[in-house]
Amino acid sequence: MTTRLRILDDGAWLSVDDSRRVSVSELWRLRSDDFCDCDLADLVVENFQEIGVDGSTVEVRVYGQCIACGTKSTTGWIPVGRIVDGEYVDLDRESVLRARPDA
């Protein structure tokens, strides 16, 4: 079964099978050595840049700002969901997310 992933509305939404599932303006706790110098960034997501799949994990690269230190940048790959039995399942974005550096 194919799952259709797209970025909509000039980077404002992640769409899965033509249903808006993840939006900008969320606050994510992000652990990333590449985004900013904070141990945990308080990242306000401003724009989806890319979407990809690693196995069954749906990942995004986003542009945003750490509200703790002010850094504005693009992240590495961040998992936001999984495809399970052909269905998209959200990952808990209220917990700490770990960015995978660009390879």
N, C-alpha and C. Protein backbone atom coordinates (compact mmCIF):
# COMPACT_ATOMS: atom_id res chain seq x y z
N MET A 1 0.84 -1.18 0.00
CA MET A 1 0.00 0.00 0.00
C MET A 1 0.89 1.24 0.00
N THR A 2 0.54 2.22 -0.79
CA THR A 2 1.30 3.46 -0.90
C THR A 2 0.69 4.53 0.00
N THR A 3 1.54 5.26 0.70
CA THR A 3 1.12 6.38 1.52
C THR A 3 1.65 7.65 0.88
N ARG A 4 0.78 8.61 0.65
CA ARG A 4 1.16 9.85 -0.03
C ARG A 4 1.52 10.91 0.99
N LEU A 5 2.76 11.41 0.94
CA LEU A 5 3.26 12.44 1.84
C LEU A 5 3.54 13.70 1.04
N ARG A 6 3.04 14.84 1.50
CA ARG A 6 3.28 16.11 0.81
C ARG A 6 3.36 17.25 1.82
N ILE A 7 4.04 18.30 1.40
CA ILE A 7 4.06 19.56 2.16
C ILE A 7 3.10 20.50 1.45
N LEU A 8 2.18 21.10 2.21
CA LEU A 8 1.14 21.96 1.63
C LEU A 8 1.26 23.40 2.12
N ASP A 9 0.57 24.27 1.43
CA ASP A 9 0.40 25.67 1.82
C ASP A 9 1.72 26.36 2.12
N ASP A 10 2.64 26.28 1.15
CA ASP A 10 3.95 26.94 1.26
C ASP A 10 4.70 26.54 2.52
N GLY A 11 4.62 25.27 2.89
CA GLY A 11 5.38 24.75 4.02
C GLY A 11 4.66 24.80 5.36
N ALA A 12 3.38 25.08 5.36
CA ALA A 12 2.63 25.22 6.62
C ALA A 12 2.09 23.90 7.16
N TRP A 13 1.93 22.90 6.32
CA TRP A 13 1.32 21.63 6.73
C TRP A 13 2.06 20.43 6.15
N LEU A 14 2.08 19.36 6.92
CA LEU A 14 2.48 18.04 6.43
C LEU A 14 1.19 17.28 6.18
N SER A 15 1.02 16.84 4.94
CA SER A 15 -0.18 16.11 4.55
C SER A 15 0.16 14.63 4.37
N VAL A 16 -0.69 13.77 4.90
CA VAL A 16 -0.55 12.33 4.74
C VAL A 16 -1.84 11.83 4.11
N ASP A 17 -1.71 11.25 2.92
CA ASP A 17 -2.88 10.76 2.19
C ASP A 17 -3.98 11.82 2.10
N ASP A 18 -3.57 13.04 1.72
CA ASP A 18 -4.47 14.17 1.51
C ASP A 18 -5.21 14.63 2.76
N SER A 19 -4.62 14.39 3.92
CA SER A 19 -5.18 14.87 5.19
C SER A 19 -4.09 15.63 5.94
N ARG A 20 -4.38 16.86 6.32
CA ARG A 20 -3.40 17.66 7.05
C ARG A 20 -3.18 17.05 8.43
N ARG A 21 -1.92 16.69 8.75
CA ARG A 21 -1.64 15.98 9.99
C ARG A 21 -0.73 16.73 10.96
N VAL A 22 0.26 17.47 10.46
CA VAL A 22 1.20 18.19 11.32
C VAL A 22 1.29 19.62 10.79
N SER A 23 1.21 20.60 11.71
CA SER A 23 1.23 22.00 11.27
C SER A 23 2.40 22.76 11.88
N VAL A 24 2.71 23.89 11.27
CA VAL A 24 3.69 24.79 11.84
C VAL A 24 3.08 25.45 13.08
N SER A 25 3.86 26.25 13.75
CA SER A 25 3.47 26.97 14.97
C SER A 25 3.41 26.06 16.19
N GLU A 26 3.84 24.82 16.07
CA GLU A 26 3.95 23.94 17.23
C GLU A 26 5.27 24.23 17.93
N LEU A 27 5.32 24.00 19.22
CA LEU A 27 6.55 24.12 19.99
C LEU A 27 7.07 22.72 20.26
N TRP A 28 8.27 22.43 19.78
CA TRP A 28 8.89 21.12 19.94
C TRP A 28 10.11 21.25 20.83
N ARG A 29 10.31 20.31 21.74
CA ARG A 29 11.54 20.20 22.53
C ARG A 29 12.48 19.34 21.70
N LEU A 30 13.60 19.92 21.29
CA LEU A 30 14.47 19.27 20.32
C LEU A 30 15.87 19.09 20.88
N ARG A 31 16.37 17.86 20.81
CA ARG A 31 17.76 17.56 21.14
C ARG A 31 18.49 17.40 19.82
N SER A 32 19.43 18.33 19.57
CA SER A 32 20.17 18.32 18.31
C SER A 32 21.50 19.02 18.51
N ASP A 33 22.58 18.37 18.10
CA ASP A 33 23.89 19.00 18.17
C ASP A 33 24.08 20.01 17.05
N ASP A 34 23.24 19.96 16.01
CA ASP A 34 23.44 20.78 14.82
C ASP A 34 22.54 22.01 14.76
N PHE A 35 21.53 22.12 15.60
CA PHE A 35 20.58 23.23 15.46
C PHE A 35 21.03 24.48 16.21
N CYS A 36 21.28 24.33 17.51
CA CYS A 36 21.74 25.46 18.32
C CYS A 36 22.57 24.92 19.48
N ASP A 37 23.08 25.82 20.31
CA ASP A 37 23.96 25.42 21.41
C ASP A 37 23.21 24.97 22.67
N CYS A 38 21.89 25.10 22.68
CA CYS A 38 21.10 24.70 23.85
C CYS A 38 21.13 23.18 24.01
N ASP A 39 21.14 22.70 25.27
CA ASP A 39 21.03 21.26 25.50
C ASP A 39 19.72 20.73 24.94
N LEU A 40 18.64 21.46 25.20
CA LEU A 40 17.33 21.16 24.62
C LEU A 40 16.78 22.44 24.03
N ALA A 41 16.58 22.45 22.73
CA ALA A 41 16.03 23.64 22.08
C ALA A 41 14.51 23.66 22.26
N ASP A 42 13.98 24.84 22.53
CA ASP A 42 12.54 25.07 22.49
C ASP A 42 12.23 25.63 21.11
N LEU A 43 11.94 24.74 20.19
CA LEU A 43 11.84 25.07 18.77
C LEU A 43 10.41 25.42 18.38
N VAL A 44 10.22 26.63 17.88
CA VAL A 44 8.95 26.99 17.26
C VAL A 44 9.09 26.68 15.77
N VAL A 45 8.28 25.76 15.30
CA VAL A 45 8.34 25.33 13.90
C VAL A 45 7.68 26.40 13.04
N GLU A 46 8.45 26.91 12.06
CA GLU A 46 7.94 27.97 11.20
C GLU A 46 7.64 27.51 9.78
N ASN A 47 8.32 26.44 9.31
CA ASN A 47 8.13 26.03 7.92
C ASN A 47 8.68 24.62 7.72
N PHE A 48 7.91 23.77 7.05
CA PHE A 48 8.41 22.46 6.66
C PHE A 48 9.26 22.62 5.40
N GLN A 49 10.48 22.11 5.43
CA GLN A 49 11.40 22.23 4.31
C GLN A 49 11.41 20.97 3.45
N GLU A 50 11.48 19.79 4.09
CA GLU A 50 11.54 18.52 3.36
C GLU A 50 10.80 17.46 4.16
N ILE A 51 10.37 16.43 3.46
CA ILE A 51 9.75 15.28 4.10
C ILE A 51 10.40 14.03 3.53
N GLY A 52 10.57 13.03 4.38
CA GLY A 52 11.19 11.79 3.94
C GLY A 52 10.72 10.62 4.77
N VAL A 53 11.14 9.44 4.38
CA VAL A 53 10.78 8.22 5.09
C VAL A 53 12.06 7.42 5.33
N ASP A 54 12.24 6.98 6.56
CA ASP A 54 13.36 6.10 6.92
C ASP A 54 12.73 4.82 7.45
N GLY A 55 12.64 3.80 6.60
CA GLY A 55 11.90 2.58 6.98
C GLY A 55 10.42 2.92 7.04
N SER A 56 9.82 2.78 8.20
CA SER A 56 8.41 3.14 8.37
C SER A 56 8.25 4.47 9.10
N THR A 57 9.36 5.15 9.40
CA THR A 57 9.32 6.41 10.13
C THR A 57 9.25 7.60 9.17
N VAL A 58 8.26 8.46 9.39
CA VAL A 58 8.11 9.69 8.61
C VAL A 58 8.93 10.77 9.31
N GLU A 59 9.82 11.41 8.53
CA GLU A 59 10.71 12.42 9.08
C GLU A 59 10.56 13.73 8.31
N VAL A 60 10.86 14.84 9.00
CA VAL A 60 10.81 16.15 8.36
C VAL A 60 12.06 16.93 8.72
N ARG A 61 12.40 17.86 7.85
CA ARG A 61 13.37 18.89 8.15
C ARG A 61 12.56 20.18 8.18
N VAL A 62 12.71 20.94 9.27
CA VAL A 62 11.93 22.16 9.43
C VAL A 62 12.84 23.36 9.66
N TYR A 63 12.32 24.52 9.31
CA TYR A 63 12.97 25.77 9.64
C TYR A 63 12.22 26.31 10.85
N GLY A 64 12.96 26.79 11.83
CA GLY A 64 12.31 27.32 13.01
C GLY A 64 13.27 28.12 13.86
N GLN A 65 12.77 28.53 15.02
CA GLN A 65 13.56 29.36 15.94
C GLN A 65 13.51 28.77 17.33
N CYS A 66 14.69 28.72 17.98
CA CYS A 66 14.77 28.34 19.38
C CYS A 66 14.39 29.56 20.21
N ILE A 67 13.34 29.47 20.99
CA ILE A 67 12.91 30.63 21.76
C ILE A 67 13.79 30.85 22.99
N ALA A 68 14.64 29.87 23.32
CA ALA A 68 15.55 30.04 24.46
C ALA A 68 16.76 30.89 24.08
N CYS A 69 17.35 30.65 22.89
CA CYS A 69 18.58 31.37 22.52
C CYS A 69 18.42 32.27 21.30
N GLY A 70 17.32 32.11 20.56
CA GLY A 70 17.07 32.96 19.41
C GLY A 70 17.58 32.44 18.08
N THR A 71 18.28 31.31 18.08
CA THR A 71 18.80 30.75 16.84
C THR A 71 17.67 30.45 15.87
N LYS A 72 17.85 30.86 14.60
CA LYS A 72 16.93 30.51 13.52
C LYS A 72 17.71 29.68 12.53
N SER A 73 17.21 28.48 12.20
CA SER A 73 17.94 27.59 11.31
C SER A 73 17.03 26.46 10.84
N THR A 74 17.60 25.60 10.01
CA THR A 74 16.92 24.39 9.55
C THR A 74 17.47 23.21 10.33
N THR A 75 16.61 22.32 10.73
CA THR A 75 16.99 21.16 11.54
C THR A 75 17.51 20.03 10.66
N GLY A 76 18.07 19.03 11.30
CA GLY A 76 18.29 17.74 10.67
C GLY A 76 16.95 17.02 10.57
N TRP A 77 16.99 15.73 10.30
CA TRP A 77 15.76 14.95 10.14
C TRP A 77 15.15 14.63 11.50
N ILE A 78 13.86 14.98 11.66
CA ILE A 78 13.14 14.78 12.92
C ILE A 78 11.97 13.83 12.67
N PRO A 79 11.86 12.74 13.44
CA PRO A 79 10.72 11.84 13.27
C PRO A 79 9.43 12.47 13.80
N VAL A 80 8.36 12.39 13.01
CA VAL A 80 7.07 12.95 13.44
C VAL A 80 5.95 11.91 13.41
N GLY A 81 6.18 10.78 12.76
CA GLY A 81 5.14 9.76 12.68
C GLY A 81 5.69 8.46 12.12
N ARG A 82 4.82 7.46 12.09
CA ARG A 82 5.19 6.15 11.54
C ARG A 82 4.04 5.66 10.68
N ILE A 83 4.38 4.82 9.72
CA ILE A 83 3.37 4.14 8.92
C ILE A 83 3.23 2.73 9.49
N VAL A 84 2.06 2.43 10.04
CA VAL A 84 1.80 1.14 10.66
C VAL A 84 0.58 0.52 9.96
N ASP A 85 0.79 -0.64 9.35
CA ASP A 85 -0.28 -1.33 8.60
C ASP A 85 -0.95 -0.39 7.60
N GLY A 86 -0.14 0.44 6.93
CA GLY A 86 -0.66 1.33 5.91
C GLY A 86 -1.30 2.60 6.42
N GLU A 87 -1.31 2.80 7.73
CA GLU A 87 -1.92 3.99 8.34
C GLU A 87 -0.87 4.84 9.00
N TYR A 88 -1.02 6.17 8.92
CA TYR A 88 -0.11 7.10 9.58
C TYR A 88 -0.47 7.21 11.06
N VAL A 89 0.54 7.11 11.92
CA VAL A 89 0.36 7.25 13.37
C VAL A 89 1.32 8.35 13.85
N ASP A 90 0.78 9.38 14.50
CA ASP A 90 1.60 10.47 15.05
C ASP A 90 2.53 9.95 16.12
N LEU A 91 3.75 10.50 16.16
CA LEU A 91 4.63 10.31 17.31
C LEU A 91 4.33 11.42 18.31
N ASP A 92 4.61 11.18 19.56
CA ASP A 92 4.36 12.17 20.61
C ASP A 92 5.34 13.33 20.46
N ARG A 93 4.87 14.44 19.90
CA ARG A 93 5.74 15.59 19.71
C ARG A 93 5.80 16.48 20.95
N GLU A 94 5.10 16.10 22.02
CA GLU A 94 5.21 16.84 23.29
C GLU A 94 6.37 16.34 24.12
N SER A 95 6.95 15.20 23.76
CA SER A 95 8.15 14.71 24.45
C SER A 95 9.36 15.26 23.70
N VAL A 96 10.55 14.93 24.17
CA VAL A 96 11.77 15.40 23.52
C VAL A 96 11.99 14.65 22.21
N LEU A 97 12.19 15.42 21.14
CA LEU A 97 12.46 14.85 19.83
C LEU A 97 13.97 14.89 19.60
N ARG A 98 14.48 13.91 18.91
CA ARG A 98 15.91 13.86 18.60
C ARG A 98 16.10 13.95 17.10
N ALA A 99 16.84 14.99 16.68
CA ALA A 99 17.11 15.17 15.26
C ALA A 99 18.25 14.28 14.83
N ARG A 100 18.08 13.69 13.65
CA ARG A 100 19.13 12.90 13.03
C ARG A 100 19.91 13.84 12.12
N PRO A 101 21.23 13.95 12.32
CA PRO A 101 22.00 14.87 11.46
C PRO A 101 21.92 14.47 10.01
N ASP A 102 22.11 15.45 9.13
CA ASP A 102 22.14 15.17 7.70
C ASP A 102 23.34 14.28 7.42
N ALA A 103 23.13 13.29 6.57
CA ALA A 103 24.22 12.37 6.22
C ALA A 103 25.07 12.93 5.11
